[in-house]
């Protein structure tokens, strides 16, 4: 087995220097084969309020420079046990949403064709639909764990079917999702009406609100999620606005009363051992960030997802 090529050594090259890849990892074209790839999608044509998520991939990469190679919470050195590489950005059409969705799906299929797992850094939440399409093509119906302040199961905005508020309704309609294993986590804030919840329930989603996390605690929430997901192929989609604006001010549709970054990271670590097949982190809007608060949160979330994928890779290769 070839020893994975890891991040640039920070004892030799300062963290503020070196490559501008995620966690200063090697580029995809520098490795023979990657087990896990990190790819950016600079796209925000689907937003309904604040723009700026097209700048997220570069911002999160810059915020990831301080990440270190050993994850004590999951007891894994993800870059040692798996070859992780940065695939750069998927170049999408900023003016034609349907064309952009096709490009993202095609790129995701290509990147994962040989069994490589994909972590995507958005981009607004519109990008999750083509990523789910690509995952369905490889794994069949998939379980979904969706961290977000919002449901994102609305039908249309201004007559548009494809926006950052509609991806999971479209995914349900297209038969992508295992409707017995769907969960929103961290939702809060006002809705357009009760019908939003009725529709969401009809699609098969369970809801763990931000208030549930507060009142029930992280351990109980993890147990509920694990029971719902089981051993199904799992995709995790994380809208950074699941965090309270105090922890993630740089996002397009902030809502008060959200989770802390500590709660989010602890819930992710509690998912160790599940059959994670892919993930995304979306809705980081750098123009509204300051002191890299949101970028740092997003980079740590991405690091935890890479670590979970790396542990899953080890479990699969060891039989």
Protein backbone atom coordinates (compact mmCIF):
# COMPACT_ATOMS: atom_id res chain seq x y z
CA UNK A 1 0.00 0.00 0.00
CA UNK A 2 1.37 3.42 -0.98
CA UNK A 3 1.83 5.85 1.90
CA UNK A 4 -0.65 8.73 1.43
CA UNK A 5 0.76 12.09 0.50
CA UNK A 6 -0.28 14.38 3.34
CA UNK A 7 -0.49 18.11 4.02
CA UNK A 8 2.47 20.44 3.77
CA UNK A 9 4.66 20.10 6.87
CA UNK A 10 4.01 23.16 9.06
CA UNK A 11 7.33 22.65 10.88
CA UNK A 12 9.11 23.44 7.62
CA UNK A 13 6.72 25.83 5.85
CA UNK A 14 4.64 28.29 7.93
CA UNK A 15 0.89 27.86 7.86
CA UNK A 16 0.42 31.25 6.24
CA UNK A 17 2.58 30.07 3.33
CA UNK A 18 2.44 26.95 1.22
CA UNK A 19 -0.35 25.70 -1.04
CA UNK A 20 -3.82 27.27 -0.92
CA UNK A 21 -5.57 23.90 -0.91
CA UNK A 22 -7.89 22.64 1.83
CA UNK A 23 -5.74 21.95 4.92
CA UNK A 24 -2.73 22.47 2.59
CA UNK A 25 -3.35 19.01 1.15
CA UNK A 26 -1.94 17.86 -2.18
CA UNK A 27 -3.88 18.62 -5.33
CA UNK A 28 -5.73 15.77 -6.99
CA UNK A 29 -3.34 15.87 -9.94
CA UNK A 30 -0.40 15.31 -7.57
CA UNK A 31 -1.57 11.89 -6.33
CA UNK A 32 -1.99 8.60 -8.15
CA UNK A 33 -5.42 7.96 -6.67
CA UNK A 34 -7.48 9.67 -3.98
CA UNK A 35 -9.72 7.91 -1.47
CA UNK A 36 -11.39 11.20 -0.50
CA UNK A 37 -11.52 14.41 -2.49
CA UNK A 38 -12.49 17.90 -1.41
CA UNK A 39 -14.00 19.99 -4.21
CA UNK A 40 -15.33 23.53 -4.27
CA UNK A 41 -18.43 24.75 -6.07
CA UNK A 42 -18.29 28.56 -6.45
CA UNK A 43 -21.99 29.11 -7.12
CA UNK A 44 -24.68 31.32 -5.58
CA UNK A 45 -27.20 31.93 -8.36
CA UNK A 46 -29.86 30.12 -6.32
CA UNK A 47 -29.90 32.36 -3.27
CA UNK A 48 -32.99 34.26 -2.18
CA UNK A 49 -31.38 36.87 0.11
CA UNK A 50 -27.68 37.55 0.65
CA UNK A 51 -25.29 36.52 -2.15
CA UNK A 52 -21.59 35.72 -1.77
CA UNK A 53 -21.44 31.93 -1.40
CA UNK A 54 -19.60 31.73 -4.73
CA UNK A 55 -16.54 32.89 -2.79
CA UNK A 56 -16.88 30.19 -0.13
CA UNK A 57 -14.47 27.54 -1.47
CA UNK A 58 -11.46 29.87 -1.43
CA UNK A 59 -12.50 31.35 1.93
CA UNK A 60 -12.91 27.98 3.64
CA UNK A 61 -9.60 26.76 2.21
CA UNK A 62 -7.87 29.85 3.61
CA UNK A 63 -9.55 29.26 6.99
CA UNK A 64 -8.37 25.64 6.99
CA UNK A 65 -4.65 26.44 7.19
CA UNK A 66 -4.56 25.85 10.95
CA UNK A 67 -6.03 22.34 10.80
CA UNK A 68 -3.70 19.68 12.18
CA UNK A 69 -3.29 16.06 11.07
CA UNK A 70 -4.57 14.18 14.16
CA UNK A 71 -8.22 14.28 15.27
CA UNK A 72 -8.31 13.35 18.99
CA UNK A 73 -12.12 13.38 19.19
CA UNK A 74 -12.36 10.61 16.58
CA UNK A 75 -8.92 9.12 17.29
CA UNK A 76 -7.85 9.20 13.67
CA UNK A 77 -5.18 10.79 11.52
CA UNK A 78 -7.34 11.13 8.42
CA UNK A 79 -4.54 12.10 6.05
CA UNK A 80 -2.46 9.08 7.10
CA UNK A 81 -5.14 6.40 6.81
CA UNK A 82 -6.59 7.69 3.53
CA UNK A 83 -5.31 9.63 0.56
CA UNK A 84 -7.14 12.93 0.72
CA UNK A 85 -6.69 15.48 -2.05
CA UNK A 86 -8.10 18.81 -3.15
CA UNK A 87 -9.77 18.60 -6.56
CA UNK A 88 -10.03 22.36 -6.97
CA UNK A 89 -13.28 24.01 -8.00
CA UNK A 90 -16.00 22.75 -10.30
CA UNK A 91 -16.41 25.54 -12.87
CA UNK A 92 -20.16 26.15 -13.17
CA UNK A 93 -22.28 28.51 -15.25
CA UNK A 94 -23.16 31.53 -13.04
CA UNK A 95 -26.10 32.55 -15.26
CA UNK A 96 -27.91 29.28 -16.04
CA UNK A 97 -28.92 27.23 -13.00
CA UNK A 98 -29.99 24.12 -14.92
CA UNK A 99 -26.70 24.08 -16.81
CA UNK A 100 -24.83 24.53 -13.53
CA UNK A 101 -26.69 21.58 -11.97
CA UNK A 102 -25.79 19.36 -14.93
CA UNK A 103 -22.12 20.38 -14.66
CA UNK A 104 -22.01 19.64 -10.93
CA UNK A 105 -23.64 16.23 -11.35
CA UNK A 106 -21.28 15.28 -14.17
CA UNK A 107 -18.23 16.36 -12.16
CA UNK A 108 -19.42 14.51 -9.04
CA UNK A 109 -19.97 11.33 -11.04
CA UNK A 110 -16.49 11.61 -12.54
CA UNK A 111 -14.80 12.29 -9.20
CA UNK A 112 -16.51 9.34 -7.48
CA UNK A 113 -16.51 6.85 -10.38
CA UNK A 114 -13.75 4.70 -8.87
CA UNK A 115 -15.21 4.66 -5.35
CA UNK A 116 -13.64 7.90 -4.18
CA UNK A 117 -15.72 9.73 -1.57
CA UNK A 118 -16.53 13.38 -2.20
CA UNK A 119 -16.77 16.29 0.23
CA UNK A 120 -18.03 19.44 -1.44
CA UNK A 121 -17.63 22.98 -0.17
CA UNK A 122 -20.27 25.31 -1.64
CA UNK A 123 -21.76 27.31 -2.94
CA UNK A 124 -25.39 27.75 -1.97
CA UNK A 125 -27.70 24.85 -1.15
CA UNK A 126 -28.90 24.51 -4.73
CA UNK A 127 -25.75 22.47 -5.41
CA UNK A 128 -26.84 19.60 -3.16
CA UNK A 129 -29.46 18.34 -5.62
CA UNK A 130 -27.00 17.31 -8.36
CA UNK A 131 -24.65 15.89 -5.72
CA UNK A 132 -27.51 13.73 -4.46
CA UNK A 133 -28.32 12.68 -8.02
CA UNK A 134 -24.74 11.50 -8.49
CA UNK A 135 -24.79 9.67 -5.14
CA UNK A 136 -28.08 7.93 -6.03
CA UNK A 137 -26.61 6.70 -9.31
CA UNK A 138 -23.84 4.95 -7.39
CA UNK A 139 -25.54 3.85 -4.17
CA UNK A 140 -29.28 3.68 -4.84
CA UNK A 141 -31.73 5.43 -2.54
CA UNK A 142 -29.81 7.21 0.18
CA UNK A 143 -30.44 8.37 3.72
CA UNK A 144 -30.09 12.10 4.28
CA UNK A 145 -29.07 14.02 7.36
CA UNK A 146 -29.64 17.71 6.70
CA UNK A 147 -28.23 20.29 9.13
CA UNK A 148 -29.93 23.64 8.50
CA UNK A 149 -31.94 26.45 10.04
CA UNK A 150 -34.46 25.91 7.22
CA UNK A 151 -36.35 22.97 5.74
CA UNK A 152 -35.34 23.59 2.10
CA UNK A 153 -38.34 21.57 0.95
CA UNK A 154 -40.29 24.48 -0.54
CA UNK A 155 -41.77 24.11 -4.01
CA UNK A 156 -40.71 27.24 -5.89
CA UNK A 157 -39.41 30.78 -5.48
CA UNK A 158 -40.81 33.29 -7.98
CA UNK A 159 -41.77 30.32 -10.15
CA UNK A 160 -38.24 28.89 -10.12
CA UNK A 161 -38.00 25.15 -9.39
CA UNK A 162 -34.28 25.09 -8.63
CA UNK A 163 -33.14 27.36 -5.80
CA UNK A 164 -31.38 26.98 -2.47
CA UNK A 165 -34.77 26.50 -0.79
CA UNK A 166 -36.01 23.63 -2.98
CA UNK A 167 -33.31 20.92 -3.31
CA UNK A 168 -34.82 18.34 -0.99
CA UNK A 169 -38.33 18.62 -2.43
CA UNK A 170 -36.88 17.99 -5.87
CA UNK A 171 -34.79 15.10 -4.49
CA UNK A 172 -37.94 13.55 -3.00
CA UNK A 173 -39.84 13.97 -6.25
CA UNK A 174 -37.01 12.36 -8.22
CA UNK A 175 -36.95 9.29 -5.97
CA UNK A 176 -33.41 9.90 -4.78
CA UNK A 177 -34.05 9.60 -1.05
CA UNK A 178 -34.84 6.71 1.27
CA UNK A 179 -37.95 8.23 2.82
CA UNK A 180 -37.64 6.13 5.98
CA UNK A 181 -34.28 7.69 6.82
CA UNK A 182 -34.56 11.46 6.34
CA UNK A 183 -33.87 14.03 9.03
CA UNK A 184 -33.54 17.78 9.35
CA UNK A 185 -31.41 18.86 12.29
CA UNK A 186 -31.15 22.34 13.79
CA UNK A 187 -34.20 23.95 12.19
CA UNK A 188 -35.70 27.07 13.71
CA UNK A 189 -37.31 30.40 12.91
CA UNK A 190 -40.59 31.42 11.30
CA UNK A 191 -42.16 29.61 8.36
CA UNK A 192 -44.56 30.69 5.63
CA UNK A 193 -47.31 28.60 7.21
CA UNK A 194 -48.22 25.22 8.73
CA UNK A 195 -48.33 23.71 5.26
CA UNK A 196 -44.54 23.88 5.17
CA UNK A 197 -44.39 21.34 8.00
CA UNK A 198 -47.23 19.25 6.56
CA UNK A 199 -45.48 18.96 3.20
CA UNK A 200 -42.20 18.16 4.88
CA UNK A 201 -43.80 15.40 6.93
CA UNK A 202 -45.40 13.99 3.78
CA UNK A 203 -41.96 13.70 2.19
CA UNK A 204 -40.82 11.54 5.12
CA UNK A 205 -38.61 13.95 7.03
CA UNK A 206 -38.18 13.82 10.77
CA UNK A 207 -37.24 17.08 12.44
CA UNK A 208 -34.83 17.72 15.31
CA UNK A 209 -35.04 21.45 15.97
CA UNK A 210 -32.37 23.67 17.46
CA UNK A 211 -34.58 23.83 20.56
CA UNK A 212 -34.56 20.01 20.74
CA UNK A 213 -30.76 20.06 20.76
CA UNK A 214 -30.85 22.56 23.61
CA UNK A 215 -33.49 20.78 25.72
CA UNK A 216 -32.63 17.14 25.01
CA UNK A 217 -28.88 17.44 24.70
CA UNK A 218 -26.38 16.20 22.17
CA UNK A 219 -26.23 12.59 23.37
CA UNK A 220 -29.97 12.00 22.99
CA UNK A 221 -30.03 13.71 19.60
CA UNK A 222 -27.20 11.49 18.36
CA UNK A 223 -29.10 8.41 19.53
CA UNK A 224 -32.28 9.52 17.71
CA UNK A 225 -30.39 10.17 14.50
CA UNK A 226 -28.47 6.89 14.58
CA UNK A 227 -31.67 4.92 15.10
CA UNK A 228 -33.32 6.66 12.15
CA UNK A 229 -30.38 6.25 9.77
CA UNK A 230 -29.28 2.72 10.66
CA UNK A 231 -26.77 1.23 8.23
CA UNK A 232 -28.18 2.85 5.10
CA UNK A 233 -25.90 4.76 2.71
CA UNK A 234 -25.80 8.22 4.29
CA UNK A 235 -25.28 11.65 2.77
CA UNK A 236 -24.77 14.61 5.12
CA UNK A 237 -25.56 18.13 3.95
CA UNK A 238 -24.59 21.00 6.25
CA UNK A 239 -25.85 24.51 5.72
CA UNK A 240 -23.59 26.63 7.90
CA UNK A 241 -26.63 28.67 8.99
CA UNK A 242 -27.51 25.74 11.24
CA UNK A 243 -25.14 27.56 13.58
CA UNK A 244 -26.30 30.63 15.45
CA UNK A 245 -25.18 33.89 13.81
CA UNK A 246 -22.83 34.35 16.77
CA UNK A 247 -20.91 31.32 15.46
CA UNK A 248 -21.51 31.83 11.73
CA UNK A 249 -22.35 35.43 10.80
CA UNK A 250 -21.17 34.99 7.21
CA UNK A 251 -24.17 33.27 5.69
CA UNK A 252 -27.00 34.16 3.36
CA UNK A 253 -30.11 33.66 5.50
CA UNK A 254 -29.17 33.88 9.20
CA UNK A 255 -31.65 32.91 11.92
CA UNK A 256 -31.31 33.63 15.64
CA UNK A 257 -31.39 30.80 18.17
CA UNK A 258 -29.09 28.33 16.44
CA UNK A 259 -26.70 25.65 17.55
CA UNK A 260 -23.19 26.33 18.76
CA UNK A 261 -20.20 25.11 16.77
CA UNK A 262 -19.37 22.82 19.71
CA UNK A 263 -22.80 21.16 19.50
CA UNK A 264 -22.53 20.67 15.76
CA UNK A 265 -19.07 19.13 15.96
CA UNK A 266 -20.07 16.82 18.83
CA UNK A 267 -23.10 15.58 16.90
CA UNK A 268 -20.93 14.86 13.87
CA UNK A 269 -18.46 12.91 16.00
CA UNK A 270 -21.36 10.91 17.38
CA UNK A 271 -22.06 9.62 13.87
CA UNK A 272 -18.81 7.66 13.75
CA UNK A 273 -19.40 4.22 12.26
CA UNK A 274 -22.37 5.11 10.06
CA UNK A 275 -22.19 4.34 6.34
CA UNK A 276 -21.22 7.83 5.21
CA UNK A 277 -20.88 8.05 1.42
CA UNK A 278 -20.54 11.81 0.86
CA UNK A 279 -21.17 15.25 2.29
CA UNK A 280 -21.27 18.96 1.62
CA UNK A 281 -20.83 22.20 3.55
CA UNK A 282 -22.73 25.09 1.98
CA UNK A 283 -23.97 28.67 2.37
CA UNK A 284 -20.78 30.27 3.68
CA UNK A 285 -20.86 33.89 2.45
CA UNK A 286 -17.43 35.50 2.97
CA UNK A 287 -18.58 39.11 2.34
CA UNK A 288 -20.63 38.86 5.55
CA UNK A 289 -17.93 37.08 7.53
CA UNK A 290 -15.42 38.84 9.76
CA UNK A 291 -12.30 37.57 11.49
CA UNK A 292 -12.92 34.31 9.55
CA UNK A 293 -15.47 33.25 12.20
CA UNK A 294 -17.69 31.44 9.70
CA UNK A 295 -14.80 30.19 7.59
CA UNK A 296 -13.08 28.66 10.61
CA UNK A 297 -16.30 26.97 11.72
CA UNK A 298 -16.87 25.62 8.21
CA UNK A 299 -13.30 24.37 7.85
CA UNK A 300 -13.53 22.47 11.14
CA UNK A 301 -16.88 20.99 10.11
CA UNK A 302 -15.30 19.91 6.83
CA UNK A 303 -12.34 18.41 8.70
CA UNK A 304 -14.69 16.35 10.88
CA UNK A 305 -16.51 15.12 7.78
CA UNK A 306 -13.19 14.15 6.15
CA UNK A 307 -12.25 12.32 9.35
CA UNK A 308 -15.54 10.40 9.36
CA UNK A 309 -15.04 9.50 5.71
CA UNK A 310 -11.46 8.40 6.44
CA UNK A 311 -12.58 6.12 9.27
CA UNK A 312 -15.24 4.68 6.99
CA UNK A 313 -12.59 4.09 4.34
CA UNK A 314 -10.47 2.15 6.84
CA UNK A 315 -13.45 0.04 7.90
CA UNK A 316 -14.27 -0.80 4.27
CA UNK A 317 -10.70 -1.67 3.26
CA UNK A 318 -10.26 -3.90 6.31
CA UNK A 319 -13.36 -5.85 5.41
